[in-house]
């Protein structure tokens, strides 16, 4: 989606606003600065997926810990 927004950002105000929202959310949720000088799009995507996987693993661990508490 970000690629589409980037392609249309100079043409469409809605795309520009969506791009700004995406950048903000990625920074807030995953601590990734997509505008960092020299940011490689592939590296940004990899960091995003790594962070998403880490968050999912943390949720799984919290659920497992909760199940362990209720089972004892």
N, C-alpha and C. Protein backbone atom coordinates (compact mmCIF):
# COMPACT_ATOMS: atom_id res chain seq x y z
N UNK A 1 0.82 -1.18 0.00
CA UNK A 1 0.00 0.00 0.00
C UNK A 1 0.87 1.26 0.00
N UNK A 2 1.96 1.23 0.76
CA UNK A 2 2.81 2.42 0.85
C UNK A 2 3.39 2.79 -0.51
N UNK A 3 3.68 1.79 -1.33
CA UNK A 3 4.21 2.07 -2.66
C UNK A 3 3.20 2.85 -3.50
N UNK A 4 1.93 2.46 -3.40
CA UNK A 4 0.87 3.16 -4.14
C UNK A 4 0.73 4.59 -3.66
N UNK A 5 0.72 4.75 -2.35
CA UNK A 5 0.59 6.09 -1.77
C UNK A 5 1.76 6.96 -2.21
N UNK A 6 2.96 6.40 -2.18
CA UNK A 6 4.14 7.16 -2.58
C UNK A 6 4.06 7.59 -4.04
N UNK A 7 3.58 6.69 -4.89
CA UNK A 7 3.47 7.01 -6.31
C UNK A 7 2.47 8.13 -6.58
N UNK A 8 1.41 8.21 -5.77
CA UNK A 8 0.34 9.18 -6.00
C UNK A 8 0.42 10.41 -5.10
N UNK A 9 1.37 10.46 -4.18
CA UNK A 9 1.40 11.52 -3.17
C UNK A 9 1.47 12.93 -3.77
N UNK A 10 2.15 13.12 -4.89
CA UNK A 10 2.25 14.46 -5.50
C UNK A 10 1.05 14.80 -6.37
N UNK A 11 0.18 13.83 -6.61
CA UNK A 11 -0.95 14.02 -7.51
C UNK A 11 -2.28 14.15 -6.74
N UNK A 12 -2.36 13.45 -5.62
CA UNK A 12 -3.64 13.34 -4.92
C UNK A 12 -3.47 13.66 -3.44
N UNK A 13 -4.28 14.59 -2.94
CA UNK A 13 -4.19 14.99 -1.53
C UNK A 13 -4.53 13.84 -0.59
N UNK A 14 -5.47 13.01 -0.97
CA UNK A 14 -5.83 11.87 -0.13
C UNK A 14 -4.65 10.91 -0.01
N UNK A 15 -3.95 10.67 -1.10
CA UNK A 15 -2.77 9.80 -1.07
C UNK A 15 -1.68 10.41 -0.20
N UNK A 16 -1.49 11.73 -0.30
CA UNK A 16 -0.48 12.39 0.53
C UNK A 16 -0.82 12.23 2.01
N UNK A 17 -2.09 12.48 2.36
CA UNK A 17 -2.51 12.33 3.75
C UNK A 17 -2.37 10.88 4.23
N UNK A 18 -2.71 9.94 3.37
CA UNK A 18 -2.57 8.53 3.73
C UNK A 18 -1.11 8.18 3.95
N UNK A 19 -0.24 8.71 3.10
CA UNK A 19 1.20 8.48 3.27
C UNK A 19 1.71 9.02 4.59
N UNK A 20 1.25 10.20 4.95
CA UNK A 20 1.66 10.80 6.23
C UNK A 20 1.18 9.93 7.40
N UNK A 21 -0.04 9.43 7.29
CA UNK A 21 -0.58 8.57 8.34
C UNK A 21 0.21 7.27 8.44
N UNK A 22 0.53 6.68 7.31
CA UNK A 22 1.31 5.44 7.30
C UNK A 22 2.67 5.67 7.95
N UNK A 23 3.35 6.74 7.57
CA UNK A 23 4.67 7.03 8.16
C UNK A 23 4.57 7.19 9.67
N UNK A 24 3.56 7.93 10.11
CA UNK A 24 3.38 8.15 11.54
C UNK A 24 3.11 6.84 12.28
N UNK A 25 2.21 6.03 11.74
CA UNK A 25 1.85 4.78 12.39
C UNK A 25 3.03 3.80 12.43
N UNK A 26 3.78 3.71 11.34
CA UNK A 26 4.94 2.81 11.31
C UNK A 26 5.97 3.26 12.34
N UNK A 27 6.17 4.55 12.46
CA UNK A 27 7.11 5.07 13.44
C UNK A 27 6.63 4.79 14.86
N UNK A 28 5.36 5.05 15.13
CA UNK A 28 4.80 4.84 16.47
C UNK A 28 4.76 3.36 16.85
N UNK A 29 4.30 2.53 15.94
CA UNK A 29 4.11 1.11 16.27
C UNK A 29 5.38 0.29 16.24
N UNK A 30 6.27 0.63 15.27
CA UNK A 30 7.42 -0.24 15.05
C UNK A 30 8.76 0.46 15.22
N UNK A 31 8.73 1.76 15.54
CA UNK A 31 9.94 2.55 15.73
C UNK A 31 10.85 2.49 14.50
N UNK A 32 10.22 2.61 13.33
CA UNK A 32 10.95 2.60 12.06
C UNK A 32 10.75 3.95 11.39
N UNK A 33 11.85 4.63 11.09
CA UNK A 33 11.78 5.92 10.38
C UNK A 33 11.93 5.64 8.89
N UNK A 34 10.81 5.65 8.17
CA UNK A 34 10.85 5.32 6.75
C UNK A 34 11.51 6.42 5.92
N UNK A 35 11.70 7.60 6.51
CA UNK A 35 12.35 8.70 5.81
C UNK A 35 13.82 8.88 6.18
N UNK A 36 14.37 7.93 6.92
CA UNK A 36 15.77 8.04 7.32
C UNK A 36 16.65 8.13 6.06
N UNK A 37 17.66 9.01 6.10
CA UNK A 37 18.54 9.11 4.93
C UNK A 37 19.14 7.75 4.59
N UNK A 38 19.04 7.39 3.34
CA UNK A 38 19.60 6.12 2.89
C UNK A 38 18.76 4.91 3.25
N UNK A 39 17.54 5.15 3.70
CA UNK A 39 16.69 4.01 4.07
C UNK A 39 16.42 3.16 2.83
N UNK A 40 16.79 1.92 2.91
CA UNK A 40 16.56 0.97 1.83
C UNK A 40 15.15 0.41 1.99
N UNK A 41 14.29 0.55 0.97
CA UNK A 41 12.92 0.05 1.10
C UNK A 41 12.84 -1.42 1.52
N UNK A 42 13.76 -2.23 1.04
CA UNK A 42 13.75 -3.65 1.42
C UNK A 42 14.10 -3.81 2.90
N UNK A 43 15.04 -3.00 3.38
CA UNK A 43 15.42 -3.06 4.79
C UNK A 43 14.29 -2.56 5.68
N UNK A 44 13.60 -1.52 5.23
CA UNK A 44 12.45 -1.01 5.99
C UNK A 44 11.36 -2.08 6.05
N UNK A 45 11.08 -2.73 4.93
CA UNK A 45 10.07 -3.79 4.91
C UNK A 45 10.48 -4.94 5.82
N UNK A 46 11.74 -5.32 5.78
CA UNK A 46 12.22 -6.41 6.64
C UNK A 46 12.11 -6.03 8.11
N UNK A 47 12.46 -4.80 8.44
CA UNK A 47 12.34 -4.34 9.83
C UNK A 47 10.88 -4.34 10.27
N UNK A 48 10.00 -3.92 9.38
CA UNK A 48 8.58 -3.93 9.67
C UNK A 48 8.10 -5.35 9.98
N UNK A 49 8.43 -6.29 9.13
CA UNK A 49 7.96 -7.66 9.34
C UNK A 49 8.60 -8.29 10.57
N UNK A 50 9.87 -7.95 10.85
CA UNK A 50 10.50 -8.44 12.07
C UNK A 50 9.78 -7.91 13.31
N UNK A 51 9.46 -6.62 13.29
CA UNK A 51 8.75 -6.02 14.42
C UNK A 51 7.35 -6.61 14.56
N UNK A 52 6.67 -6.83 13.46
CA UNK A 52 5.33 -7.42 13.51
C UNK A 52 5.40 -8.84 14.07
N UNK A 53 6.40 -9.60 13.67
CA UNK A 53 6.56 -10.96 14.18
C UNK A 53 6.86 -10.94 15.67
N UNK A 54 7.73 -10.01 16.10
CA UNK A 54 8.05 -9.90 17.52
C UNK A 54 6.82 -9.56 18.34
N UNK A 55 5.99 -8.65 17.82
CA UNK A 55 4.75 -8.31 18.53
C UNK A 55 3.82 -9.50 18.62
N UNK A 56 3.69 -10.24 17.54
CA UNK A 56 2.82 -11.43 17.54
C UNK A 56 3.35 -12.47 18.52
N UNK A 57 4.66 -12.65 18.55
CA UNK A 57 5.26 -13.60 19.50
C UNK A 57 5.00 -13.17 20.94
N UNK A 58 5.06 -11.87 21.20
CA UNK A 58 4.81 -11.36 22.55
C UNK A 58 3.36 -11.61 22.96
N UNK A 59 2.44 -11.42 22.03
CA UNK A 59 1.03 -11.68 22.32
C UNK A 59 0.83 -13.16 22.63
N UNK A 60 1.43 -14.02 21.82
CA UNK A 60 1.32 -15.45 22.04
C UNK A 60 1.88 -15.83 23.41
N UNK A 61 3.01 -15.26 23.77
CA UNK A 61 3.63 -15.55 25.06
C UNK A 61 2.74 -15.07 26.21
N UNK A 62 2.15 -13.88 26.07
CA UNK A 62 1.26 -13.38 27.13
C UNK A 62 0.04 -14.29 27.28
N UNK A 63 -0.51 -14.74 26.17
CA UNK A 63 -1.66 -15.65 26.23
C UNK A 63 -1.27 -16.97 26.88
N UNK A 64 -0.12 -17.48 26.52
CA UNK A 64 0.36 -18.74 27.09
C UNK A 64 0.58 -18.57 28.60
N UNK A 65 1.16 -17.45 29.00
CA UNK A 65 1.39 -17.21 30.43
C UNK A 65 0.06 -17.12 31.17
N UNK A 66 -0.94 -16.50 30.57
CA UNK A 66 -2.25 -16.42 31.18
C UNK A 66 -2.89 -17.79 31.33
N UNK A 67 -2.71 -18.64 30.33
CA UNK A 67 -3.24 -19.99 30.40
C UNK A 67 -2.55 -20.78 31.48
N UNK A 68 -1.23 -20.59 31.63
CA UNK A 68 -0.47 -21.28 32.67
C UNK A 68 -0.97 -20.86 34.05
N UNK A 69 -1.30 -19.58 34.23
CA UNK A 69 -1.79 -19.11 35.51
C UNK A 69 -3.15 -19.68 35.85
N UNK A 70 -4.02 -19.77 34.85
CA UNK A 70 -5.36 -20.29 35.12
C UNK A 70 -5.36 -21.81 35.31
N UNK A 71 -4.36 -22.49 34.76
CA UNK A 71 -4.28 -23.94 34.88
C UNK A 71 -3.73 -24.37 36.25
N UNK A 72 -3.03 -23.46 36.93
CA UNK A 72 -2.44 -23.86 38.20
C UNK A 72 -3.29 -23.55 39.38
